[in-house]
């Protein structure tokens, strides 16, 4: 609308009615070319706009806006693309569910974590709190060692036998060995000269806790496993003449083992062997003739001490089953 504003008008005529207006100074003296009063038109437009705006409804938020994160405006106004820091890259990988960093700082793919948790689910996990792998009571396994443990397990499962020798090359602190079938295994020297091994578990593939490993040969099986503390699972022998020479030679740290005895055995290097271990051996022995268990001098002292009632009872129970304890 093209308008003409005039002040101190001498004569002004209405273009429609031809009515003459006396000189006035007023906004009413503003007209469009078509003669429409501009002020009246503006008022009408204002009413229409206000009517339309009255239909706009705002809804209150249910809580106050949080404080702006420090640095967010600065970062948003960066003119140049900025590379992520190492810490930021790590967090992005974690947020995307690609894996995790272990406690040593090594990146562990999620696929490996998932496989570990599935394979060793009964006996160990990846602990998201400590960021260590766990297996057989070892709770501080880093990714590098975990890789070796899983590789050895897979090799053992692939061959279908523990004849994939672990001696010398294992270089790990714990292992899980599944016996594929209930058949006698030649395990001679299988874990020999493995000074880092601390715990070991034999588990039957059928998860039968009473059928763990049956041995046809055990000569030097754990010889020089000087750090070995616990063997989980029950050890059986195929018959009463299985070779057990040096089976536990230099197992200086051994504390727990469960053996179903048919023949004599030498445990003289294991001064820390526990009372439950000897209770199990005596209670579950299936010998049909006299046998001897040779023990460390410290163990023998406890067994023959009448005031040490629990240990002495093992000696008495052994005598009832034609088992003799001896030392060197």
Protein backbone atom coordinates (compact mmCIF):
# COMPACT_ATOMS: atom_id res chain seq x y z
CA UNK A 1 0.00 0.00 0.00
CA UNK A 2 1.54 3.32 -1.06
CA UNK A 3 0.66 5.94 1.49
CA UNK A 4 0.92 9.73 1.67
CA UNK A 5 1.49 11.38 5.06
CA UNK A 6 0.70 15.08 5.28
CA UNK A 7 0.92 17.44 8.22
CA UNK A 8 -0.89 20.82 8.47
CA UNK A 9 -3.12 20.06 5.52
CA UNK A 10 -5.02 23.06 4.15
CA UNK A 11 -7.57 21.14 2.12
CA UNK A 12 -8.09 17.42 1.85
CA UNK A 13 -10.91 15.54 0.08
CA UNK A 14 -12.21 12.04 0.50
CA UNK A 15 -11.70 10.36 -2.90
CA UNK A 16 -14.79 8.20 -2.46
CA UNK A 17 -17.29 10.59 -0.90
CA UNK A 18 -15.70 13.83 -2.03
CA UNK A 19 -16.16 15.17 1.49
CA UNK A 20 -13.83 18.01 2.38
CA UNK A 21 -11.74 17.73 5.55
CA UNK A 22 -10.59 20.81 7.35
CA UNK A 23 -6.92 21.19 7.97
CA UNK A 24 -5.85 18.84 10.77
CA UNK A 25 -2.66 17.22 12.01
CA UNK A 26 -3.65 13.62 12.56
CA UNK A 27 -2.85 10.05 11.62
CA UNK A 28 -6.35 9.98 10.22
CA UNK A 29 -5.04 12.11 7.40
CA UNK A 30 -3.11 9.09 6.04
CA UNK A 31 -4.75 7.26 3.17
CA UNK A 32 -3.89 4.61 0.65
CA UNK A 33 -4.30 5.40 -3.02
CA UNK A 34 -7.64 3.66 -3.00
CA UNK A 35 -8.79 6.05 -0.29
CA UNK A 36 -8.70 3.50 2.52
CA UNK A 37 -7.87 4.87 5.96
CA UNK A 38 -4.41 3.44 6.73
CA UNK A 39 -4.73 3.57 10.52
CA UNK A 40 -7.98 1.70 10.37
CA UNK A 41 -6.37 -0.91 8.09
CA UNK A 42 -3.38 -1.34 10.40
CA UNK A 43 -5.68 -1.83 13.36
CA UNK A 44 -7.59 -4.52 11.46
CA UNK A 45 -4.37 -6.31 10.47
CA UNK A 46 -3.18 -6.19 14.09
CA UNK A 47 -6.40 -7.78 15.31
CA UNK A 48 -6.08 -10.56 12.75
CA UNK A 49 -2.46 -11.25 13.69
CA UNK A 50 -3.25 -11.31 17.42
CA UNK A 51 -6.15 -13.69 16.78
CA UNK A 52 -3.85 -16.07 14.91
CA UNK A 53 -1.16 -15.90 17.59
CA UNK A 54 -3.68 -16.66 20.30
CA UNK A 55 -3.97 -20.17 18.85
CA UNK A 56 -0.30 -20.89 19.54
CA UNK A 57 -0.01 -22.82 22.80
CA UNK A 58 3.23 -23.30 24.68
CA UNK A 59 3.70 -26.25 27.00
CA UNK A 60 5.89 -25.81 30.10
CA UNK A 61 8.88 -28.15 30.51
CA UNK A 62 8.64 -30.66 33.32
CA UNK A 63 11.98 -29.66 34.72
CA UNK A 64 14.43 -26.80 34.60
CA UNK A 65 17.00 -26.80 31.86
CA UNK A 66 20.32 -28.20 32.98
CA UNK A 67 23.34 -25.98 33.13
CA UNK A 68 25.19 -25.69 29.87
CA UNK A 69 28.11 -28.09 29.76
CA UNK A 70 31.37 -26.19 30.20
CA UNK A 71 33.10 -25.57 26.90
CA UNK A 72 30.13 -26.57 24.73
CA UNK A 73 29.80 -23.11 23.16
CA UNK A 74 33.53 -22.84 22.62
CA UNK A 75 33.65 -26.23 20.94
CA UNK A 76 30.60 -25.46 18.80
CA UNK A 77 32.24 -22.27 17.54
CA UNK A 78 35.49 -23.91 16.47
CA UNK A 79 36.28 -22.79 12.96
CA UNK A 80 38.66 -25.65 12.17
CA UNK A 81 38.01 -29.39 12.46
CA UNK A 82 39.68 -30.75 15.58
CA UNK A 83 41.18 -34.26 15.87
CA UNK A 84 39.92 -36.40 18.76
CA UNK A 85 42.32 -36.94 21.62
CA UNK A 86 43.40 -40.48 22.47
CA UNK A 87 41.07 -40.49 25.48
CA UNK A 88 38.18 -39.34 23.29
CA UNK A 89 38.88 -42.06 20.72
CA UNK A 90 38.90 -44.69 23.47
CA UNK A 91 35.57 -43.52 24.82
CA UNK A 92 34.00 -43.48 21.36
CA UNK A 93 35.03 -47.10 20.79
CA UNK A 94 33.57 -48.12 24.13
CA UNK A 95 30.35 -46.15 23.52
CA UNK A 96 29.90 -47.91 20.19
CA UNK A 97 30.16 -51.30 21.90
CA UNK A 98 33.28 -52.31 19.98
CA UNK A 99 35.08 -53.64 23.03
CA UNK A 100 36.85 -52.50 26.17
CA UNK A 101 40.28 -51.66 27.52
CA UNK A 102 41.67 -54.13 30.03
CA UNK A 103 43.37 -53.00 33.22
CA UNK A 104 46.74 -52.92 31.45
CA UNK A 105 45.41 -50.48 28.83
CA UNK A 106 45.23 -53.06 26.03
CA UNK A 107 42.28 -52.80 23.65
CA UNK A 108 40.12 -55.95 23.74
CA UNK A 109 37.63 -56.55 20.88
CA UNK A 110 34.10 -57.29 22.03
CA UNK A 111 34.09 -60.50 20.00
CA UNK A 112 36.95 -61.85 22.13
CA UNK A 113 35.22 -60.88 25.39
CA UNK A 114 32.03 -62.60 24.25
CA UNK A 115 33.88 -65.76 23.27
CA UNK A 116 35.78 -65.90 26.57
CA UNK A 117 32.53 -65.52 28.53
CA UNK A 118 30.89 -68.32 26.53
CA UNK A 119 33.78 -70.79 26.52
CA UNK A 120 34.71 -70.35 30.19
CA UNK A 121 31.29 -69.35 31.50
CA UNK A 122 31.25 -71.88 34.35
CA UNK A 123 34.71 -71.05 35.58
CA UNK A 124 35.52 -67.47 34.61
CA UNK A 125 34.46 -64.21 32.96
CA UNK A 126 35.70 -60.81 31.83
CA UNK A 127 35.12 -58.70 34.93
CA UNK A 128 33.88 -55.29 33.76
CA UNK A 129 34.61 -53.79 37.17
CA UNK A 130 38.26 -54.80 37.43
CA UNK A 131 38.73 -55.01 33.63
CA UNK A 132 40.61 -58.28 34.05
CA UNK A 133 39.79 -61.74 32.71
CA UNK A 134 39.15 -64.43 35.31
CA UNK A 135 39.53 -68.21 35.18
CA UNK A 136 40.02 -70.94 37.77
CA UNK A 137 40.48 -68.49 40.67
CA UNK A 138 43.05 -66.37 38.80
CA UNK A 139 41.45 -62.92 38.76
CA UNK A 140 44.04 -60.65 37.15
CA UNK A 141 44.50 -62.05 33.65
CA UNK A 142 45.38 -59.43 31.04
CA UNK A 143 44.39 -59.62 27.38
CA UNK A 144 47.78 -60.92 26.24
CA UNK A 145 47.66 -63.91 28.61
CA UNK A 146 43.96 -64.46 27.91
CA UNK A 147 44.75 -64.78 24.20
CA UNK A 148 47.25 -67.57 24.90
CA UNK A 149 44.87 -69.39 27.24
CA UNK A 150 42.05 -69.39 24.70
CA UNK A 151 44.39 -70.40 21.87
CA UNK A 152 45.65 -73.39 23.87
CA UNK A 153 42.10 -74.38 24.75
CA UNK A 154 41.01 -74.23 21.10
CA UNK A 155 44.05 -76.27 20.02
CA UNK A 156 43.22 -78.88 22.65
CA UNK A 157 39.58 -79.07 21.56
CA UNK A 158 40.57 -79.25 17.89
CA UNK A 159 42.89 -82.20 18.41
CA UNK A 160 40.39 -83.91 20.68
CA UNK A 161 43.06 -84.90 23.18
CA UNK A 162 45.39 -83.35 25.72
CA UNK A 163 48.20 -84.99 23.78
CA UNK A 164 48.63 -81.47 22.41
CA UNK A 165 51.42 -80.98 24.91
CA UNK A 166 51.29 -77.95 27.13
CA UNK A 167 54.72 -78.41 28.69
CA UNK A 168 57.23 -75.58 28.39
CA UNK A 169 55.26 -73.64 25.76
CA UNK A 170 52.09 -72.80 27.69
CA UNK A 171 53.55 -69.75 29.47
CA UNK A 172 50.22 -69.07 31.20
CA UNK A 173 48.99 -69.25 34.79
CA UNK A 174 45.83 -71.27 34.28
CA UNK A 175 44.26 -73.71 31.84
CA UNK A 176 40.98 -75.49 31.23
CA UNK A 177 41.19 -79.00 29.80
CA UNK A 178 38.02 -80.69 28.61
CA UNK A 179 38.16 -84.46 28.29
CA UNK A 180 36.24 -85.18 25.13
CA UNK A 181 35.20 -88.70 26.03
CA UNK A 182 35.47 -91.01 29.00
CA UNK A 183 38.48 -92.90 27.72
CA UNK A 184 41.94 -93.34 29.18
CA UNK A 185 44.44 -90.63 28.27
CA UNK A 186 48.20 -90.86 27.98
CA UNK A 187 49.21 -87.64 29.78
CA UNK A 188 52.86 -88.47 30.36
CA UNK A 189 54.84 -85.22 30.64
CA UNK A 190 51.79 -83.24 29.51
CA UNK A 191 52.30 -80.26 31.84
CA UNK A 192 55.97 -80.82 32.55
CA UNK A 193 58.35 -77.89 33.03
CA UNK A 194 55.62 -75.26 33.19
CA UNK A 195 56.79 -72.98 36.03
CA UNK A 196 54.10 -70.30 35.52
CA UNK A 197 51.09 -72.60 35.77
CA UNK A 198 49.18 -71.91 39.04
CA UNK A 199 45.77 -73.52 38.54
CA UNK A 200 44.46 -76.18 36.20
CA UNK A 201 41.00 -77.61 35.69
CA UNK A 202 39.96 -80.92 34.18
CA UNK A 203 36.31 -80.93 33.17
CA UNK A 204 34.38 -83.60 31.36
CA UNK A 205 32.67 -82.31 28.23
CA UNK A 206 29.38 -83.70 29.54
CA UNK A 207 29.78 -81.50 32.65
CA UNK A 208 29.69 -84.59 34.85
CA UNK A 209 31.67 -83.55 37.94
CA UNK A 210 32.41 -87.20 38.75
CA UNK A 211 34.03 -87.90 35.39
CA UNK A 212 36.90 -85.51 34.91
CA UNK A 213 40.04 -87.28 33.62
CA UNK A 214 41.05 -90.93 33.35
CA UNK A 215 44.76 -91.59 32.93
CA UNK A 216 46.57 -94.50 31.31
CA UNK A 217 49.97 -92.87 31.88
CA UNK A 218 50.88 -90.07 34.31
CA UNK A 219 54.67 -90.28 34.33
CA UNK A 220 56.11 -86.79 34.88
CA UNK A 221 52.71 -85.27 34.19
CA UNK A 222 53.23 -82.18 36.41
CA UNK A 223 56.98 -82.44 36.91
CA UNK A 224 58.65 -79.05 37.51
CA UNK A 225 55.33 -77.20 37.61
CA UNK A 226 56.77 -75.36 40.57
CA UNK A 227 54.02 -72.72 40.88
CA UNK A 228 51.08 -75.12 40.56
CA UNK A 229 48.75 -74.59 43.53
CA UNK A 230 45.45 -76.22 42.65
CA UNK A 231 44.21 -78.93 40.30
CA UNK A 232 40.43 -78.87 39.94
CA UNK A 233 38.57 -81.96 38.82
CA UNK A 234 39.02 -85.56 39.91
CA UNK A 235 41.94 -87.60 38.66
CA UNK A 236 41.27 -91.30 38.00
CA UNK A 237 43.67 -94.04 36.92
CA UNK A 238 42.82 -96.69 34.36
CA UNK A 239 44.19 -99.50 36.50
CA UNK A 240 46.39 -100.20 39.51
CA UNK A 241 49.66 -100.20 37.58
CA UNK A 242 49.53 -96.82 35.86
CA UNK A 243 52.98 -95.22 35.83
CA UNK A 244 52.93 -92.27 38.27
CA UNK A 245 56.70 -91.83 38.63
CA UNK A 246 57.58 -88.13 39.06
CA UNK A 247 53.95 -87.22 38.46
CA UNK A 248 54.23 -84.44 41.08
CA UNK A 249 58.01 -84.04 41.21
CA UNK A 250 58.96 -80.49 42.27
CA UNK A 251 55.35 -79.44 42.68
CA UNK A 252 56.53 -77.33 45.60
CA UNK A 253 53.44 -75.09 45.77
CA UNK A 254 50.66 -77.67 45.38
CA UNK A 255 47.85 -77.25 47.90
CA UNK A 256 44.76 -78.92 46.46
CA UNK A 257 44.30 -82.04 44.36
CA UNK A 258 41.65 -84.79 44.22
CA UNK A 259 42.91 -88.27 43.32
CA UNK A 260 41.12 -91.62 43.29
CA UNK A 261 43.99 -93.94 44.20
CA UNK A 262 44.53 -97.54 43.15
CA UNK A 263 48.31 -97.56 43.50
CA UNK A 264 51.07 -95.94 45.54
CA UNK A 265 51.97 -92.33 44.81
CA UNK A 266 54.76 -89.93 45.71
CA UNK A 267 53.71 -86.46 46.95
CA UNK A 268 56.86 -85.77 48.93
CA UNK A 269 57.65 -82.42 47.28
CA UNK A 270 54.30 -80.87 48.20
CA UNK A 271 54.64 -79.61 51.77
CA UNK A 272 51.50 -77.42 51.54
CA UNK A 273 49.04 -80.13 50.50
CA UNK A 274 45.76 -79.54 52.32
CA UNK A 275 43.84 -81.67 54.76
CA UNK A 276 40.84 -81.91 52.37
CA UNK A 277 43.14 -83.31 49.68
CA UNK A 278 44.27 -86.17 51.91
CA UNK A 279 40.76 -86.76 53.23
CA UNK A 280 39.55 -87.16 49.64
CA UNK A 281 42.35 -89.56 48.70
CA UNK A 282 41.74 -91.82 51.66
CA UNK A 283 37.94 -91.74 51.51
CA UNK A 284 37.81 -92.46 47.76
CA UNK A 285 40.69 -94.90 47.38
CA UNK A 286 39.75 -98.08 45.49
CA UNK A 287 42.95 -100.06 46.10
CA UNK A 288 42.61 -103.81 46.44
CA UNK A 289 46.04 -104.28 48.03
CA UNK A 290 48.37 -102.33 50.30
CA UNK A 291 49.56 -98.99 48.93
CA UNK A 292 51.75 -96.16 50.21
CA UNK A 293 51.38 -92.41 50.00
CA UNK A 294 54.77 -90.74 50.38
CA UNK A 295 54.46 -87.22 51.78
CA UNK A 296 56.60 -84.24 52.76
CA UNK A 297 58.10 -84.34 56.24
CA UNK A 298 55.91 -81.44 57.39
CA UNK A 299 52.78 -83.28 56.28
CA UNK A 300 53.93 -86.49 57.93
CA UNK A 301 54.48 -84.62 61.20
CA UNK A 302 50.85 -83.45 61.17
CA UNK A 303 49.50 -86.87 60.30
CA UNK A 304 51.33 -88.56 63.13
CA UNK A 305 50.62 -85.90 65.76
CA UNK A 306 47.93 -87.39 68.00
CA UNK A 307 47.07 -83.93 69.35
CA UNK A 308 46.31 -82.72 65.82
CA UNK A 309 43.03 -84.58 65.78
CA UNK A 310 41.83 -83.91 62.24
CA UNK A 311 45.10 -84.88 60.59
CA UNK A 312 45.61 -87.85 62.88
CA UNK A 313 42.14 -89.13 61.98
CA UNK A 314 43.22 -89.28 58.34
CA UNK A 315 46.10 -91.56 59.39
CA UNK A 316 43.69 -93.85 61.24
CA UNK A 317 41.20 -93.93 58.35
CA UNK A 318 44.01 -94.75 55.94
CA UNK A 319 45.10 -97.72 58.05
CA UNK A 320 41.54 -99.11 57.84
CA UNK A 321 41.84 -99.07 54.04
CA UNK A 322 45.29 -100.68 53.91
CA UNK A 323 46.99 -97.36 53.10
CA UNK A 324 50.27 -96.37 54.71
CA UNK A 325 51.83 -92.90 54.91
CA UNK A 326 55.57 -92.52 54.62
CA UNK A 327 58.12 -89.72 54.25
CA UNK A 328 61.64 -89.32 52.93
